[in-house]
Every structure is written in C-alpha cells, then in structure tokens.
Amino acid sequence: MLDHIAVQVTDVNAATTFYLRVFAPLRIREAMRHDLGTGPVVGLSGPDGVPRFWLGAAPSPAGRELHIAFIAPSRDAVDEVHVAAVAAGAEILHAPRVWPEYHPRYYGVFLRDLDGNNVEAVHHGAP
C-alpha cells in the first residue's frame, strides 16, 4: 500500500542525524541524498536499501506538509488516479510522468488531498 512517506523539518542534517542515531537498532541508514537548490532531501532506508522515509526542509513549522506515496500496480493505475483526482476537483501538483531524477522507471502523479497534503501514486516498473 505505502511506497514512501516524507516529512518536512527545520534542519534536514540534524533530523537525519537524529533518525540515524535513534533508529540504529532497526538498521536505518541513509540511502539517498539530493540537493534541490533549497537544501538537502534525504532518503532513509531499512536493511533493504530502499528509501521509504524522506526528510526535506520546510521554511517554518506553519509551512510543513505531509507527503505520502501509494504504490500503484501499473502506469495505467497512476493515470487513473490522475483522472479520478481531476474529477474530484483536486489540485494537481504534477501530472503523471516519468521522474528520471528518482530512477528511470519512476512514474508518478502528485496531487493535494482535502487538507493540503502532497499525495502521490507511483509505479516503479516497466511501462
């Protein structure tokens, strides 16, 4: 069901250090780091190496949103989520497309839920 979740923090490096230290018994590790020009985004993983918990910067506590990504079984399912979201009047943040900056087969749609959270449907397989 869930592919990954992201939270926004005031200090990404401090938060990364905290999560790595506190959850070391669970073998949490830094799997990926991107600099988006506004600061780092860090993906933490468990023993499987797949980044499923992300930390990103938020300018203030009031500006924080939650990001949740749901696993889609196919690209067609991602497209169907997009159609349903448009029909429901949701704000579309990013229409379905390939996101090569994540990996070459990452296909996702991003939208806002009723409370303003960034919600995504993502498929990681072949077209």
Protein backbone atom coordinates (compact mmCIF):
# COMPACT_ATOMS: atom_id res chain seq x y z
CA MET A 1 0.00 0.00 0.00
CA LEU A 2 2.52 2.66 1.07
CA ASP A 3 5.58 3.26 -1.06
CA HIS A 4 7.15 6.05 1.00
CA ILE A 5 6.41 8.95 3.31
CA ALA A 6 8.17 12.31 3.65
CA VAL A 7 8.15 14.83 6.46
CA GLN A 8 9.42 18.37 6.42
CA VAL A 9 11.80 19.50 9.13
CA THR A 10 13.57 22.73 10.02
CA ASP A 11 17.08 21.22 9.84
CA VAL A 12 17.48 18.24 7.50
CA ASN A 13 21.01 17.39 8.61
CA ALA A 14 20.11 17.48 12.31
CA ALA A 15 16.97 15.41 11.68
CA THR A 16 18.98 12.88 9.66
CA THR A 17 21.48 12.52 12.49
CA PHE A 18 18.63 12.10 14.99
CA TYR A 19 16.83 9.38 12.99
CA LEU A 20 20.06 7.51 12.24
CA ARG A 21 21.08 7.55 15.91
CA VAL A 22 17.70 6.74 17.46
CA PHE A 23 16.69 4.06 14.96
CA ALA A 24 20.12 2.46 14.56
CA PRO A 25 18.81 -0.72 16.25
CA LEU A 26 16.41 -1.05 13.28
CA ARG A 27 19.36 -0.76 10.86
CA ILE A 28 18.07 2.52 9.45
CA ARG A 29 20.61 4.14 7.13
CA GLU A 30 20.96 7.00 4.68
CA ALA A 31 20.22 5.56 1.24
CA MET A 32 19.99 8.66 -0.92
CA ARG A 33 20.59 12.41 -0.76
CA HIS A 34 19.63 15.08 -3.28
CA ASP A 35 20.37 18.79 -3.18
CA LEU A 36 17.39 20.56 -4.71
CA GLY A 37 18.94 24.01 -4.52
CA THR A 38 16.87 24.84 -1.44
CA GLY A 39 18.67 22.33 0.74
CA PRO A 40 19.13 18.61 1.01
CA VAL A 41 16.46 15.95 0.77
CA VAL A 42 17.49 12.71 2.45
CA GLY A 43 16.01 9.26 1.92
CA LEU A 44 16.42 6.79 4.78
CA SER A 45 16.05 3.06 4.36
CA GLY A 46 15.99 -0.12 6.32
CA PRO A 47 18.16 -3.13 5.58
CA ASP A 48 16.69 -3.50 2.07
CA GLY A 49 18.28 -0.20 0.96
CA VAL A 50 15.02 1.22 -0.46
CA PRO A 51 14.45 4.83 0.71
CA ARG A 52 10.96 4.83 2.19
CA PHE A 53 11.26 7.65 4.75
CA TRP A 54 12.29 11.06 3.43
CA LEU A 55 13.35 14.25 5.20
CA GLY A 56 13.08 17.62 3.47
CA ALA A 57 13.36 21.24 4.52
CA ALA A 58 10.41 23.41 5.48
CA PRO A 59 10.88 27.14 5.98
CA SER A 60 8.72 27.22 9.12
CA PRO A 61 6.54 24.88 11.19
CA ALA A 62 3.44 26.52 9.70
CA GLY A 63 4.59 25.67 6.16
CA ARG A 64 5.03 21.93 6.72
CA GLU A 65 3.02 19.41 4.77
CA LEU A 66 2.99 15.66 4.82
CA HIS A 67 3.87 13.66 1.72
CA ILE A 68 2.51 10.16 1.29
CA ALA A 69 3.09 7.96 -1.76
CA PHE A 70 0.90 4.98 -2.55
CA ILE A 71 2.13 2.03 -4.62
CA ALA A 72 0.40 1.75 -8.00
CA PRO A 73 0.37 -1.64 -9.75
CA SER A 74 0.86 -0.08 -13.20
CA ARG A 75 1.30 3.17 -15.09
CA ASP A 76 -2.33 2.86 -16.15
CA ALA A 77 -3.34 2.90 -12.48
CA VAL A 78 -1.31 6.10 -11.97
CA ASP A 79 -3.14 7.65 -14.92
CA GLU A 80 -6.49 6.51 -13.48
CA VAL A 81 -5.65 8.18 -10.15
CA HIS A 82 -4.97 11.37 -12.08
CA VAL A 83 -8.32 11.19 -13.89
CA ALA A 84 -10.17 10.50 -10.62
CA ALA A 85 -8.37 13.35 -8.84
CA VAL A 86 -9.26 15.81 -11.61
CA ALA A 87 -12.89 14.64 -11.49
CA ALA A 88 -12.90 15.13 -7.71
CA GLY A 89 -11.62 18.69 -8.12
CA ALA A 90 -8.22 18.01 -6.53
CA GLU A 91 -5.31 20.36 -7.15
CA ILE A 92 -2.86 18.53 -9.40
CA LEU A 93 0.71 19.33 -8.42
CA HIS A 94 2.35 17.26 -11.17
CA ALA A 95 0.53 15.34 -13.88
CA PRO A 96 1.67 11.75 -14.46
CA ARG A 97 5.15 11.48 -15.91
CA VAL A 98 8.48 9.72 -15.57
CA TRP A 99 10.73 11.21 -12.87
CA PRO A 100 14.27 10.22 -14.02
CA GLU A 101 15.84 12.14 -11.14
CA TYR A 102 14.46 9.41 -8.84
CA HIS A 103 15.15 6.50 -11.21
CA PRO A 104 14.45 5.74 -14.90
CA ARG A 105 11.18 3.82 -14.31
CA TYR A 106 9.68 6.08 -11.61
CA TYR A 107 6.23 7.09 -12.91
CA GLY A 108 4.04 9.17 -10.65
CA VAL A 109 1.29 11.73 -10.21
CA PHE A 110 1.27 14.26 -7.35
CA LEU A 111 -1.84 15.99 -6.00
CA ARG A 112 -3.20 17.73 -2.90
CA ASP A 113 -5.69 16.00 -0.65
CA LEU A 114 -8.56 17.86 1.03
CA ASP A 115 -6.25 19.05 3.83
CA GLY A 116 -3.46 20.27 1.57
CA ASN A 117 -1.11 17.32 1.92
CA ASN A 118 1.01 16.23 -1.03
CA VAL A 119 -0.23 12.78 -2.06
CA GLU A 120 1.26 10.63 -4.79
CA ALA A 121 0.58 7.43 -6.73
CA VAL A 122 3.79 5.85 -8.03
CA HIS A 123 4.70 2.88 -10.19
CA HIS A 124 8.32 1.67 -10.28
CA GLY A 125 8.09 -0.93 -13.06
CA ALA A 126 8.40 -1.01 -16.78
CA PRO A 127 5.97 0.99 -18.95
